[in-house]
Amino acid sequence: MIHESWIGTDESGKGDYFGPLVVAGVYVDPTLLPKLVSLGVKDSKTLSDRAVLALDPSIRSLCPHSVVVIGPEKYNALYGKIKNLNRLLAWGHARVIENLLEKVPCQRVLTDQFGDERFVREALMKKGREIKLEQRPRAEEDPAVAAASILARAEFLRRLDQLSRKIGASLPKGASPAVEAAAQDLIEKKGFEILKEVAKLHFKTTSKVNKAR
């Protein structure tokens, strides 16, 4: 794959109760690849938040890219219709791929394996259906996918911070007991409806805090 151009896509926020789901895509070719590698780009899960936020502008200025943000309210509406996380993810990945194909000609796309490959193919439009799509486990080892994971995580972190400031409360990452405690505190102060604006309601966290009311 290093001898040609390709697009890598990845997402962030999938396992976080609070905040959006963010999907990003990055285009890489033989000229961009060594520059990307020299930045120290690797899977965002192996990097600190500070490192992710520091690498984000360099990747954005270097490579054609697309970032799609599905905020909590839109996420909840989409999940209510689709009722399948993998199909929702596929919709996001397909939008990112289509956006990038509007910017650059490309025949190959690599993404992490999160479900049936047909989900992404079915969500793609005319241009996207002409590509060679590959999904594989640990795709973040690929530089383009790793770069996409950084853009997605950086945007997730910024949006989570914006949401925290908007509602005047700290929204922790993940889906831990600390997240449940934060959700319960929010409900006590602002009512259950606030969760629709800041959280992914289909998580078990919602039913747990709802029972505790």
N, C-alpha and C. Protein backbone atom coordinates (compact mmCIF):
# COMPACT_ATOMS: atom_id res chain seq x y z
N MET A 1 0.82 -1.21 0.00
CA MET A 1 0.00 0.00 0.00
C MET A 1 0.86 1.26 0.00
N ILE A 2 2.11 1.18 0.45
CA ILE A 2 2.94 2.38 0.56
C ILE A 2 3.34 2.94 -0.80
N HIS A 3 3.10 2.19 -1.89
CA HIS A 3 3.50 2.66 -3.20
C HIS A 3 2.37 3.41 -3.92
N GLU A 4 1.26 3.63 -3.22
CA GLU A 4 0.14 4.32 -3.85
C GLU A 4 -0.54 5.22 -2.83
N SER A 5 -1.57 5.88 -3.27
CA SER A 5 -2.32 6.73 -2.36
C SER A 5 -3.46 5.94 -1.74
N TRP A 6 -3.83 6.33 -0.53
CA TRP A 6 -4.98 5.69 0.11
C TRP A 6 -5.53 6.60 1.19
N ILE A 7 -6.73 6.29 1.63
CA ILE A 7 -7.41 7.01 2.70
C ILE A 7 -7.54 6.07 3.89
N GLY A 8 -7.21 6.57 5.06
CA GLY A 8 -7.43 5.82 6.30
C GLY A 8 -8.49 6.51 7.12
N THR A 9 -9.39 5.74 7.72
CA THR A 9 -10.44 6.34 8.56
C THR A 9 -10.47 5.68 9.93
N ASP A 10 -10.88 6.45 10.92
CA ASP A 10 -11.02 5.92 12.28
C ASP A 10 -11.98 6.83 13.05
N GLU A 11 -12.39 6.36 14.22
CA GLU A 11 -13.36 7.13 15.00
C GLU A 11 -12.91 7.27 16.45
N SER A 12 -13.53 8.20 17.15
CA SER A 12 -13.27 8.41 18.57
C SER A 12 -14.59 8.75 19.25
N GLY A 13 -14.70 8.37 20.51
CA GLY A 13 -15.92 8.66 21.27
C GLY A 13 -16.89 7.50 21.32
N LYS A 14 -16.57 6.43 20.63
CA LYS A 14 -17.49 5.28 20.57
C LYS A 14 -17.72 4.67 21.95
N GLY A 15 -16.69 4.66 22.78
CA GLY A 15 -16.82 4.08 24.11
C GLY A 15 -16.97 5.10 25.22
N ASP A 16 -17.18 6.35 24.84
CA ASP A 16 -17.33 7.43 25.82
C ASP A 16 -18.80 7.79 25.98
N TYR A 17 -19.29 7.74 27.21
CA TYR A 17 -20.69 8.06 27.45
C TYR A 17 -21.00 9.52 27.12
N PHE A 18 -20.14 10.40 27.60
CA PHE A 18 -20.32 11.82 27.32
C PHE A 18 -19.61 12.20 26.03
N GLY A 19 -20.14 13.23 25.38
CA GLY A 19 -19.48 13.77 24.19
C GLY A 19 -19.94 13.14 22.90
N PRO A 20 -19.39 13.63 21.79
CA PRO A 20 -19.83 13.20 20.47
C PRO A 20 -19.15 11.91 20.01
N LEU A 21 -19.61 11.41 18.90
CA LEU A 21 -18.89 10.41 18.13
C LEU A 21 -18.23 11.18 16.99
N VAL A 22 -16.94 11.00 16.82
CA VAL A 22 -16.20 11.71 15.78
C VAL A 22 -15.54 10.71 14.86
N VAL A 23 -15.73 10.89 13.56
CA VAL A 23 -15.08 10.03 12.56
C VAL A 23 -14.18 10.92 11.70
N ALA A 24 -12.97 10.46 11.46
CA ALA A 24 -12.02 11.24 10.66
C ALA A 24 -11.40 10.37 9.57
N GLY A 25 -10.99 11.04 8.50
CA GLY A 25 -10.30 10.36 7.41
C GLY A 25 -9.11 11.18 6.97
N VAL A 26 -8.02 10.50 6.62
CA VAL A 26 -6.80 11.18 6.18
C VAL A 26 -6.30 10.53 4.89
N TYR A 27 -5.96 11.37 3.92
CA TYR A 27 -5.42 10.90 2.64
C TYR A 27 -3.90 10.93 2.70
N VAL A 28 -3.28 9.84 2.26
CA VAL A 28 -1.82 9.74 2.25
C VAL A 28 -1.36 9.22 0.89
N ASP A 29 -0.25 9.79 0.40
CA ASP A 29 0.37 9.30 -0.84
C ASP A 29 1.87 9.14 -0.56
N PRO A 30 2.65 8.63 -1.53
CA PRO A 30 4.08 8.39 -1.28
C PRO A 30 4.87 9.64 -0.88
N THR A 31 4.41 10.82 -1.29
CA THR A 31 5.08 12.05 -0.90
C THR A 31 4.77 12.43 0.54
N LEU A 32 3.52 12.23 0.94
CA LEU A 32 3.09 12.62 2.28
C LEU A 32 3.51 11.62 3.35
N LEU A 33 3.65 10.36 2.96
CA LEU A 33 3.90 9.31 3.94
C LEU A 33 5.13 9.55 4.81
N PRO A 34 6.32 9.82 4.24
CA PRO A 34 7.49 10.03 5.11
C PRO A 34 7.34 11.24 6.02
N LYS A 35 6.64 12.27 5.56
CA LYS A 35 6.42 13.46 6.39
C LYS A 35 5.52 13.11 7.57
N LEU A 36 4.53 12.27 7.30
CA LEU A 36 3.60 11.85 8.36
C LEU A 36 4.34 11.01 9.39
N VAL A 37 5.15 10.10 8.91
CA VAL A 37 5.93 9.23 9.80
C VAL A 37 6.90 10.06 10.65
N SER A 38 7.52 11.07 10.04
CA SER A 38 8.50 11.89 10.76
C SER A 38 7.85 12.70 11.88
N LEU A 39 6.54 12.93 11.79
CA LEU A 39 5.84 13.64 12.87
C LEU A 39 5.70 12.78 14.11
N GLY A 40 5.88 11.46 13.95
CA GLY A 40 5.69 10.54 15.08
C GLY A 40 4.26 10.09 15.22
N VAL A 41 3.55 10.06 14.08
CA VAL A 41 2.14 9.66 14.09
C VAL A 41 2.00 8.18 14.41
N LYS A 42 1.14 7.88 15.38
CA LYS A 42 0.80 6.49 15.71
C LYS A 42 -0.59 6.47 16.32
N ASP A 43 -1.10 5.28 16.55
CA ASP A 43 -2.45 5.12 17.06
C ASP A 43 -2.68 6.04 18.26
N SER A 44 -3.76 6.82 18.22
CA SER A 44 -4.02 7.81 19.28
C SER A 44 -4.18 7.15 20.65
N LYS A 45 -4.58 5.87 20.66
CA LYS A 45 -4.76 5.20 21.96
C LYS A 45 -3.43 5.00 22.69
N THR A 46 -2.32 5.13 21.97
CA THR A 46 -1.00 4.99 22.59
C THR A 46 -0.40 6.35 22.95
N LEU A 47 -1.14 7.42 22.69
CA LEU A 47 -0.64 8.78 22.93
C LEU A 47 -1.42 9.46 24.05
N SER A 48 -0.78 10.39 24.72
CA SER A 48 -1.48 11.19 25.72
C SER A 48 -2.39 12.20 25.03
N ASP A 49 -3.36 12.71 25.78
CA ASP A 49 -4.25 13.74 25.22
C ASP A 49 -3.44 14.93 24.74
N ARG A 50 -2.42 15.31 25.50
CA ARG A 50 -1.60 16.46 25.12
C ARG A 50 -0.90 16.21 23.79
N ALA A 51 -0.36 14.99 23.61
CA ALA A 51 0.34 14.66 22.36
C ALA A 51 -0.64 14.64 21.18
N VAL A 52 -1.83 14.12 21.41
CA VAL A 52 -2.86 14.08 20.36
C VAL A 52 -3.21 15.50 19.90
N LEU A 53 -3.44 16.38 20.87
CA LEU A 53 -3.81 17.76 20.54
C LEU A 53 -2.66 18.52 19.87
N ALA A 54 -1.43 18.14 20.19
CA ALA A 54 -0.26 18.79 19.59
C ALA A 54 -0.05 18.33 18.15
N LEU A 55 -0.32 17.06 17.88
CA LEU A 55 -0.13 16.51 16.53
C LEU A 55 -1.24 16.92 15.56
N ASP A 56 -2.41 17.16 16.09
CA ASP A 56 -3.60 17.44 15.26
C ASP A 56 -3.39 18.55 14.22
N PRO A 57 -2.91 19.75 14.59
CA PRO A 57 -2.76 20.80 13.58
C PRO A 57 -1.72 20.47 12.51
N SER A 58 -0.67 19.74 12.89
CA SER A 58 0.37 19.37 11.92
C SER A 58 -0.19 18.42 10.86
N ILE A 59 -1.00 17.46 11.29
CA ILE A 59 -1.61 16.51 10.35
C ILE A 59 -2.60 17.25 9.45
N ARG A 60 -3.39 18.13 10.05
CA ARG A 60 -4.39 18.88 9.28
C ARG A 60 -3.74 19.74 8.20
N SER A 61 -2.60 20.34 8.51
CA SER A 61 -1.94 21.21 7.54
C SER A 61 -1.19 20.41 6.48
N LEU A 62 -0.84 19.19 6.80
CA LEU A 62 -0.05 18.36 5.89
C LEU A 62 -0.91 17.57 4.91
N CYS A 63 -1.97 16.94 5.40
CA CYS A 63 -2.73 15.97 4.59
C CYS A 63 -4.17 16.42 4.33
N PRO A 64 -4.69 16.12 3.14
CA PRO A 64 -6.13 16.28 2.92
C PRO A 64 -6.86 15.41 3.94
N HIS A 65 -7.94 15.94 4.52
CA HIS A 65 -8.61 15.21 5.59
C HIS A 65 -10.08 15.62 5.66
N SER A 66 -10.82 14.84 6.41
CA SER A 66 -12.22 15.17 6.69
C SER A 66 -12.54 14.70 8.10
N VAL A 67 -13.29 15.52 8.82
CA VAL A 67 -13.71 15.17 10.18
C VAL A 67 -15.23 15.37 10.28
N VAL A 68 -15.93 14.33 10.66
CA VAL A 68 -17.38 14.40 10.82
C VAL A 68 -17.71 14.23 12.30
N VAL A 69 -18.40 15.21 12.86
CA VAL A 69 -18.77 15.19 14.28
C VAL A 69 -20.26 14.92 14.41
N ILE A 70 -20.59 13.88 15.17
CA ILE A 70 -21.99 13.56 15.46
C ILE A 70 -22.21 13.85 16.93
N GLY A 71 -22.74 15.05 17.20
CA GLY A 71 -22.96 15.48 18.58
C GLY A 71 -23.98 14.60 19.28
N PRO A 72 -24.02 14.65 20.63
CA PRO A 72 -24.92 13.77 21.38
C PRO A 72 -26.37 13.80 20.92
N GLU A 73 -26.91 14.99 20.68
CA GLU A 73 -28.33 15.06 20.29
C GLU A 73 -28.57 14.40 18.94
N LYS A 74 -27.69 14.67 17.98
CA LYS A 74 -27.82 14.03 16.67
C LYS A 74 -27.55 12.53 16.76
N TYR A 75 -26.56 12.19 17.58
CA TYR A 75 -26.22 10.78 17.79
C TYR A 75 -27.44 10.01 18.32
N ASN A 76 -28.09 10.58 19.33
CA ASN A 76 -29.25 9.92 19.93
C ASN A 76 -30.40 9.79 18.93
N ALA A 77 -30.57 10.82 18.10
CA ALA A 77 -31.62 10.76 17.08
C ALA A 77 -31.31 9.69 16.04
N LEU A 78 -30.05 9.65 15.59
CA LEU A 78 -29.65 8.63 14.60
C LEU A 78 -29.75 7.23 15.17
N TYR A 79 -29.28 7.07 16.41
CA TYR A 79 -29.33 5.74 17.03
C TYR A 79 -30.78 5.30 17.22
N GLY A 80 -31.65 6.26 17.50
CA GLY A 80 -33.07 5.94 17.64
C GLY A 80 -33.67 5.40 16.36
N LYS A 81 -33.15 5.85 15.23
CA LYS A 81 -33.64 5.37 13.93
C LYS A 81 -32.93 4.09 13.51
N ILE A 82 -31.61 4.07 13.66
CA ILE A 82 -30.81 2.95 13.15
C ILE A 82 -30.77 1.77 14.12
N LYS A 83 -30.72 2.09 15.41
CA LYS A 83 -30.70 1.09 16.50
C LYS A 83 -29.59 0.05 16.34
N ASN A 84 -28.47 0.48 15.79
CA ASN A 84 -27.32 -0.42 15.62
C ASN A 84 -26.06 0.44 15.56
N LEU A 85 -25.17 0.28 16.52
CA LEU A 85 -23.98 1.13 16.59
C LEU A 85 -23.08 0.95 15.37
N ASN A 86 -22.92 -0.29 14.91
CA ASN A 86 -22.05 -0.53 13.76
C ASN A 86 -22.58 0.14 12.49
N ARG A 87 -23.89 0.17 12.35
CA ARG A 87 -24.46 0.86 11.18
C ARG A 87 -24.30 2.37 11.30
N LEU A 88 -24.40 2.88 12.52
CA LEU A 88 -24.19 4.31 12.74
C LEU A 88 -22.73 4.67 12.45
N LEU A 89 -21.81 3.83 12.91
CA LEU A 89 -20.39 4.03 12.62
C LEU A 89 -20.14 4.00 11.12
N ALA A 90 -20.76 3.04 10.46
CA ALA A 90 -20.59 2.92 9.00
C ALA A 90 -21.07 4.18 8.30
N TRP A 91 -22.18 4.75 8.76
CA TRP A 91 -22.70 5.99 8.19
C TRP A 91 -21.66 7.09 8.32
N GLY A 92 -21.04 7.21 9.51
CA GLY A 92 -20.02 8.24 9.73
C GLY A 92 -18.79 8.03 8.87
N HIS A 93 -18.32 6.78 8.79
CA HIS A 93 -17.15 6.49 7.96
C HIS A 93 -17.44 6.77 6.48
N ALA A 94 -18.63 6.42 6.05
CA ALA A 94 -19.00 6.65 4.65
C ALA A 94 -19.03 8.14 4.33
N ARG A 95 -19.53 8.97 5.26
CA ARG A 95 -19.57 10.42 5.03
C ARG A 95 -18.15 10.99 4.91
N VAL A 96 -17.26 10.51 5.76
CA VAL A 96 -15.87 10.98 5.72
C VAL A 96 -15.21 10.58 4.39
N ILE A 97 -15.44 9.35 3.97
CA ILE A 97 -14.87 8.87 2.71
C ILE A 97 -15.38 9.70 1.53
N GLU A 98 -16.68 9.93 1.50
CA GLU A 98 -17.27 10.71 0.42
C GLU A 98 -16.72 12.15 0.41
N ASN A 99 -16.58 12.74 1.60
CA ASN A 99 -16.04 14.10 1.69
C ASN A 99 -14.63 14.17 1.11
N LEU A 100 -13.81 13.18 1.43
CA LEU A 100 -12.43 13.18 0.94
C LEU A 100 -12.36 12.91 -0.56
N LEU A 101 -13.24 12.08 -1.05
CA LEU A 101 -13.24 11.79 -2.49
C LEU A 101 -13.64 13.02 -3.31
N GLU A 102 -14.29 13.98 -2.66
CA GLU A 102 -14.59 15.25 -3.32
C GLU A 102 -13.33 16.11 -3.46
N LYS A 103 -12.34 15.85 -2.60
CA LYS A 103 -11.11 16.65 -2.58
C LYS A 103 -9.98 16.01 -3.38
N VAL A 104 -9.87 14.68 -3.30
CA VAL A 104 -8.73 13.98 -3.92
C VAL A 104 -9.20 12.73 -4.64
N PRO A 105 -8.56 12.39 -5.77
CA PRO A 105 -8.88 11.12 -6.42
C PRO A 105 -8.17 9.98 -5.67
N CYS A 106 -8.88 8.96 -5.34
CA CYS A 106 -8.30 7.86 -4.58
C CYS A 106 -9.11 6.59 -4.82
N GLN A 107 -8.43 5.47 -4.86
CA GLN A 107 -9.10 4.20 -5.16
C GLN A 107 -9.13 3.24 -3.97
N ARG A 108 -8.35 3.55 -2.91
CA ARG A 108 -8.28 2.61 -1.79
C ARG A 108 -8.59 3.29 -0.48
N VAL A 109 -9.33 2.58 0.36
CA VAL A 109 -9.67 3.08 1.69
C VAL A 109 -9.44 1.95 2.69
N LEU A 110 -8.78 2.29 3.79
CA LEU A 110 -8.54 1.33 4.86
C LEU A 110 -9.18 1.85 6.14
N THR A 111 -9.90 0.98 6.81
CA THR A 111 -10.53 1.36 8.07
C THR A 111 -10.42 0.21 9.05
N ASP A 112 -10.53 0.54 10.33
CA ASP A 112 -10.49 -0.49 11.35
C ASP A 112 -11.75 -1.34 11.24
N GLN A 113 -11.65 -2.60 11.59
CA GLN A 113 -12.79 -3.51 11.47
C GLN A 113 -13.70 -3.35 12.68
N PHE A 114 -14.88 -2.80 12.48
CA PHE A 114 -15.82 -2.60 13.59
C PHE A 114 -17.14 -3.31 13.36
N GLY A 115 -17.32 -3.94 12.22
CA GLY A 115 -18.57 -4.62 11.92
C GLY A 115 -18.52 -5.15 10.50
N ASP A 116 -19.67 -5.57 10.01
CA ASP A 116 -19.76 -6.11 8.66
C ASP A 116 -19.35 -5.04 7.65
N GLU A 117 -18.42 -5.37 6.76
CA GLU A 117 -17.95 -4.43 5.74
C GLU A 117 -19.10 -3.92 4.88
N ARG A 118 -20.13 -4.73 4.75
CA ARG A 118 -21.29 -4.33 3.93
C ARG A 118 -21.95 -3.07 4.47
N PHE A 119 -21.87 -2.86 5.80
CA PHE A 119 -22.49 -1.68 6.40
C PHE A 119 -21.92 -0.41 5.79
N VAL A 120 -20.58 -0.35 5.66
CA VAL A 120 -19.94 0.83 5.08
C VAL A 120 -20.28 0.93 3.60
N ARG A 121 -20.19 -0.19 2.90
CA ARG A 121 -20.48 -0.17 1.46
C ARG A 121 -21.90 0.30 1.17
N GLU A 122 -22.84 -0.15 1.99
CA GLU A 122 -24.24 0.23 1.78
C GLU A 122 -24.47 1.71 2.07
N ALA A 123 -23.63 2.29 2.94
CA ALA A 123 -23.79 3.70 3.31
C ALA A 123 -23.09 4.64 2.33
N LEU A 124 -22.23 4.09 1.47
CA LEU A 124 -21.49 4.92 0.52
C LEU A 124 -22.37 5.36 -0.64
N MET A 125 -22.05 6.52 -1.19
CA MET A 125 -22.76 7.03 -2.35
C MET A 125 -22.05 6.56 -3.63
N LYS A 126 -22.36 7.20 -4.75
CA LYS A 126 -21.84 6.77 -6.05
C LYS A 126 -20.31 6.71 -6.10
N LYS A 127 -19.64 7.81 -5.71
CA LYS A 127 -18.18 7.84 -5.77
C LYS A 127 -17.57 6.79 -4.87
N GLY A 128 -18.11 6.67 -3.67
CA GLY A 128 -17.55 5.75 -2.71
C GLY A 128 -17.67 4.30 -3.12
N ARG A 129 -18.64 3.99 -3.94
CA ARG A 129 -18.84 2.59 -4.34
C ARG A 129 -17.83 2.15 -5.40
N GLU A 130 -17.03 3.09 -5.89
CA GLU A 130 -16.02 2.74 -6.88
C GLU A 130 -14.67 2.42 -6.25
N ILE A 131 -14.54 2.59 -4.94
CA ILE A 131 -13.27 2.39 -4.27
C ILE A 131 -13.06 0.93 -3.88
N LYS A 132 -11.80 0.60 -3.56
CA LYS A 132 -11.48 -0.69 -2.97
C LYS A 132 -11.43 -0.46 -1.46
N LEU A 133 -12.38 -1.03 -0.75
CA LEU A 133 -12.49 -0.84 0.69
C LEU A 133 -11.92 -2.04 1.43
N GLU A 134 -11.05 -1.76 2.38
CA GLU A 134 -10.48 -2.83 3.19
C GLU A 134 -10.69 -2.51 4.66
N GLN A 135 -11.24 -3.47 5.39
CA GLN A 135 -11.37 -3.35 6.84
C GLN A 135 -10.53 -4.45 7.47
N ARG A 136 -9.73 -4.07 8.47
CA ARG A 136 -8.94 -5.11 9.14
C ARG A 136 -8.70 -4.74 10.61
N PRO A 137 -8.53 -5.75 11.46
CA PRO A 137 -8.24 -5.49 12.87
C PRO A 137 -6.90 -4.77 13.01
N ARG A 138 -6.79 -3.93 14.03
CA ARG A 138 -5.57 -3.16 14.31
C ARG A 138 -5.11 -2.34 13.11
N ALA A 139 -6.07 -1.80 12.39
CA ALA A 139 -5.72 -0.98 11.22
C ALA A 139 -4.98 0.29 11.62
N GLU A 140 -5.04 0.64 12.91
CA GLU A 140 -4.35 1.85 13.39
C GLU A 140 -2.83 1.75 13.24
N GLU A 141 -2.33 0.54 12.95
CA GLU A 141 -0.89 0.38 12.69
C GLU A 141 -0.51 1.05 11.36
N ASP A 142 -1.50 1.28 10.51
CA ASP A 142 -1.28 1.98 9.24
C ASP A 142 -1.17 3.48 9.50
N PRO A 143 -0.21 4.18 8.88
CA PRO A 143 -0.03 5.62 9.14
C PRO A 143 -1.25 6.48 8.85
N ALA A 144 -1.98 6.18 7.78
CA ALA A 144 -3.17 6.99 7.45
C ALA A 144 -4.26 6.80 8.49
N VAL A 145 -4.48 5.56 8.90
CA VAL A 145 -5.51 5.29 9.91
C VAL A 145 -5.08 5.88 11.26
N ALA A 146 -3.78 5.76 11.57
CA ALA A 146 -3.27 6.34 12.81
C ALA A 146 -3.47 7.86 12.82
N ALA A 147 -3.19 8.50 11.70
CA ALA A 147 -3.39 9.95 11.59
C ALA A 147 -4.87 10.30 11.77
N ALA A 148 -5.74 9.49 11.16
CA ALA A 148 -7.19 9.72 11.30
C ALA A 148 -7.61 9.55 12.75
N SER A 149 -7.03 8.57 13.44
CA SER A 149 -7.38 8.35 14.84
C SER A 149 -7.00 9.56 15.70
N ILE A 150 -5.89 10.21 15.35
CA ILE A 150 -5.45 11.40 16.08
C ILE A 150 -6.40 12.57 15.84
N LEU A 151 -6.78 12.79 14.57
CA LEU A 151 -7.71 13.88 14.27
C LEU A 151 -9.05 13.66 14.97
N ALA A 152 -9.53 12.42 14.94
CA ALA A 152 -10.81 12.11 15.57
C ALA A 152 -10.75 12.32 17.08
N ARG A 153 -9.66 11.86 17.70
CA ARG A 153 -9.55 11.99 19.16
C ARG A 153 -9.38 13.44 19.58
N ALA A 154 -8.57 14.18 18.83
CA ALA A 154 -8.37 15.59 19.16
C ALA A 154 -9.69 16.36 19.09
N GLU A 155 -10.47 16.09 18.05
CA GLU A 155 -11.76 16.77 17.91
C GLU A 155 -12.71 16.35 19.02
N PHE A 156 -12.68 15.07 19.38
CA PHE A 156 -13.51 14.59 20.48
C PHE A 156 -13.16 15.33 21.77
N LEU A 157 -11.87 15.43 22.06
CA LEU A 157 -11.43 16.09 23.29
C LEU A 157 -11.86 17.56 23.32
N ARG A 158 -11.73 18.25 22.18
CA ARG A 158 -12.14 19.65 22.12
C ARG A 158 -13.65 19.79 22.33
N ARG A 159 -14.42 18.94 21.69
CA ARG A 159 -15.88 19.02 21.80
C ARG A 159 -16.35 18.66 23.22
N LEU A 160 -15.69 17.68 23.84
CA LEU A 160 -16.06 17.32 25.21
C LEU A 160 -15.79 18.48 26.15
N ASP A 161 -14.68 19.16 25.93
CA ASP A 161 -14.35 20.34 26.74
C ASP A 161 -15.37 21.45 26.52
N GLN A 162 -15.78 21.65 25.27
CA GLN A 162 -16.78 22.67 24.95
C GLN A 162 -18.11 22.37 25.65
N LEU A 163 -18.50 21.09 25.63
CA LEU A 163 -19.75 20.68 26.29
C LEU A 163 -19.65 20.91 27.80
N SER A 164 -18.50 20.57 28.37
CA SER A 164 -18.29 20.76 29.81
C SER A 164 -18.45 22.23 30.18
N ARG A 165 -17.84 23.10 29.38
CA ARG A 165 -17.92 24.54 29.67
C ARG A 165 -19.34 25.07 29.45
N LYS A 166 -20.00 24.52 28.45
CA LYS A 166 -21.37 24.97 28.13
C LYS A 166 -22.33 24.70 29.29
N ILE A 167 -22.22 23.52 29.90
CA ILE A 167 -23.16 23.18 30.97
C ILE A 167 -22.62 23.49 32.36
N GLY A 168 -21.36 23.90 32.42
CA GLY A 168 -20.77 24.28 33.70
C GLY A 168 -20.47 23.11 34.61
N ALA A 169 -20.10 21.97 34.01
CA ALA A 169 -19.78 20.78 34.80
C ALA A 169 -18.75 19.94 34.05
N SER A 170 -17.88 19.29 34.79
CA SER A 170 -16.86 18.45 34.17
C SER A 170 -17.46 17.15 33.67
N LEU A 171 -17.21 16.82 32.40
CA LEU A 171 -17.71 15.59 31.80
C LEU A 171 -16.53 14.65 31.57
N PRO A 172 -16.39 13.62 32.39
CA PRO A 172 -15.24 12.72 32.25
C PRO A 172 -15.34 11.82 31.03
N LYS A 173 -14.18 11.32 30.61
CA LYS A 173 -14.12 10.40 29.46
C LYS A 173 -14.50 9.00 29.91
N GLY A 174 -14.78 8.14 28.92
CA GLY A 174 -15.03 6.73 29.18
C GLY A 174 -16.45 6.43 29.65
N ALA A 175 -16.57 5.29 30.37
CA ALA A 175 -17.87 4.86 30.89
C ALA A 175 -17.66 4.18 32.23
N SER A 176 -16.96 4.88 33.11
CA SER A 176 -16.53 4.34 34.41
C SER A 176 -17.51 4.74 35.52
N PRO A 177 -17.27 4.24 36.75
CA PRO A 177 -18.07 4.71 37.90
C PRO A 177 -18.01 6.23 38.07
N ALA A 178 -16.87 6.82 37.72
CA ALA A 178 -16.75 8.28 37.81
C ALA A 178 -17.71 8.96 36.83
N VAL A 179 -17.92 8.32 35.67
CA VAL A 179 -18.85 8.85 34.67
C VAL A 179 -20.28 8.73 35.20
N GLU A 180 -20.59 7.61 35.83
CA GLU A 180 -21.93 7.43 36.41
C GLU A 180 -22.19 8.48 37.49
N ALA A 181 -21.18 8.73 38.30
CA ALA A 181 -21.32 9.73 39.36
C ALA A 181 -21.55 11.12 38.78
N ALA A 182 -20.83 11.43 37.70
CA ALA A 182 -21.00 12.73 37.05
C ALA A 182 -22.41 12.85 36.45
N ALA A 183 -22.91 11.76 35.87
CA ALA A 183 -24.25 11.77 35.29
C ALA A 183 -25.31 11.95 36.37
N GLN A 184 -25.14 11.26 37.50
CA GLN A 184 -26.09 11.41 38.61
C GLN A 184 -26.09 12.83 39.15
N ASP A 185 -24.91 13.41 39.24
CA ASP A 185 -24.79 14.78 39.73
C ASP A 185 -25.48 15.76 38.78
N LEU A 186 -25.31 15.50 37.48
CA LEU A 186 -25.96 16.35 36.48
C LEU A 186 -27.48 16.27 36.59
N ILE A 187 -27.99 15.06 36.76
CA ILE A 187 -29.44 14.87 36.87
C ILE A 187 -29.99 15.61 38.09
N GLU A 188 -29.27 15.51 39.21
CA GLU A 188 -29.71 16.17 40.44
C GLU A 188 -29.76 17.69 40.28
N LYS A 189 -28.80 18.24 39.51
CA LYS A 189 -28.70 19.69 39.37
C LYS A 189 -29.54 20.25 38.23
N LYS A 190 -29.65 19.48 37.14
CA LYS A 190 -30.27 20.03 35.92
C LYS A 190 -31.43 19.21 35.38
N GLY A 191 -31.69 18.05 35.99
CA GLY A 191 -32.78 17.21 35.51
C GLY A 191 -32.30 16.18 34.49
N PHE A 192 -33.09 15.12 34.33
CA PHE A 192 -32.70 14.01 33.46
C PHE A 192 -32.52 14.43 32.00
N GLU A 193 -33.29 15.42 31.57
CA GLU A 193 -33.27 15.84 30.17
C GLU A 193 -31.90 16.34 29.71
N ILE A 194 -31.06 16.78 30.65
CA ILE A 194 -29.74 17.30 30.27
C ILE A 194 -28.88 16.23 29.62
N LEU A 195 -29.15 14.97 29.96
CA LEU A 195 -28.34 13.88 29.40
C LEU A 195 -28.50 13.79 27.88
N LYS A 196 -29.65 14.18 27.36
CA LYS A 196 -29.87 14.15 25.91
C LYS A 196 -28.91 15.07 25.17
N GLU A 197 -28.46 16.11 25.85
CA GLU A 197 -27.57 17.09 25.23
C GLU A 197 -26.10 16.73 25.33
N VAL A 198 -25.77 15.85 26.27
CA VAL A 198 -24.34 15.61 26.52
C VAL A 198 -23.91 14.15 26.46
N ALA A 199 -24.87 13.22 26.41
CA ALA A 199 -24.53 11.80 26.54
C ALA A 199 -25.14 10.94 25.44
N LYS A 200 -24.57 9.74 25.29
CA LYS A 200 -25.10 8.73 24.37
C LYS A 200 -26.06 7.85 25.18
N LEU A 201 -27.34 8.07 24.98
CA LEU A 201 -28.35 7.54 25.89
C LEU A 201 -28.49 6.02 25.87
N HIS A 202 -28.05 5.35 24.81
CA HIS A 202 -28.25 3.90 24.75
C HIS A 202 -27.25 3.14 25.62
N PHE A 203 -26.24 3.83 26.16
CA PHE A 203 -25.28 3.19 27.06
C PHE A 203 -26.02 2.68 28.31
N LYS A 204 -25.49 1.62 28.91
CA LYS A 204 -26.07 1.09 30.15
C LYS A 204 -26.01 2.11 31.27
N THR A 205 -25.09 3.05 31.16
CA THR A 205 -24.95 4.10 32.16
C THR A 205 -26.28 4.82 32.39
N THR A 206 -27.02 5.04 31.31
CA THR A 206 -28.30 5.77 31.42
C THR A 206 -29.28 5.03 32.30
N SER A 207 -29.43 3.74 32.07
CA SER A 207 -30.39 2.95 32.87
C SER A 207 -29.93 2.86 34.33
N LYS A 208 -28.61 2.79 34.54
CA LYS A 208 -28.06 2.71 35.89
C LYS A 208 -28.39 3.98 36.69
N VAL A 209 -28.13 5.14 36.06
CA VAL A 209 -28.37 6.39 36.79
C VAL A 209 -29.87 6.68 36.90
N ASN A 210 -30.63 6.19 35.94
CA ASN A 210 -32.08 6.38 35.97
C ASN A 210 -32.69 5.59 37.12
N LYS A 211 -32.20 4.38 37.35
CA LYS A 211 -32.71 3.55 38.46
C LYS A 211 -32.33 4.15 39.81
N ALA A 212 -31.21 4.86 39.81
CA ALA A 212 -30.73 5.44 41.07
C ALA A 212 -31.44 6.72 41.45
N ARG A 213 -32.30 7.22 40.56
CA ARG A 213 -33.00 8.49 40.83
C ARG A 213 -33.98 8.34 41.97
